Amino acid sequence: MRGHSTNLAAIEAEIAHLRSLALDALRRHWRVIFGRTPPAALSKDLLGRMIAYRLQERAFGGLDRESLRFLHGLARHGGSPRRRPKPGTVLVRDYQGQRHTVTVVSDGFDWQGATYPSLSAIARAITGTAWSGPRFFALAPANGAPARRNKNTSAREGRDGSRAEWAGRAHARPGRLCRRRICR
């Protein structure tokens, strides 16, 4: 391995050199940099990318604590965290002939004059049974993935025949509503 330097040109040259190395040479490079044998399943491209990252990390510094915490959370929970609707977003659900309107507020969700910590708590209060709040309000389908909407519809129908709708926040231009599920 060549010597370390914080000179950008030297780092770029080192990375360019990595691209020209054969798989065996990259594995030797890996052992020097990481102090252990590389995983057998890693391709030449991935080995080169990981070595290049480590070179840049040593020269310019690694990720900050917040980024590391975020990445560890992704690894721990197996995916990205659920996004929460912005305050002011209104969710509407028709359930058993009654319309329920929930407004997202900064410290939770407002329903019938009370603030709840989660949509699931509201769904439980409405139905009397345990429900996924995002699923109940049509923000996510049964498998937990974000719901996909047909651009021509503004409501989703549940298995029980009930409907969940969304209503956007008012735009800066009066009289117009945001047509996205979660207004930004």
Foldseek 3Di string as FASTA:
>chain_A
DDDAELPPVVLVVVLVVLVPDDQVVLQVLCCVQVVDGDDPPDDSVRSSVVSSLSSNCVNPNDDDPVVVVQVVVCVVVVHHDDDDFDFQWWKWKQDPNDIWIWTAHPQAIDTPRDGDNYQQVVVCVVPVDGDHRCCRQQQPPPVRDGHDDDLVDQWDADPVRIIIGTWAGADPDPPDGDSDRGDD
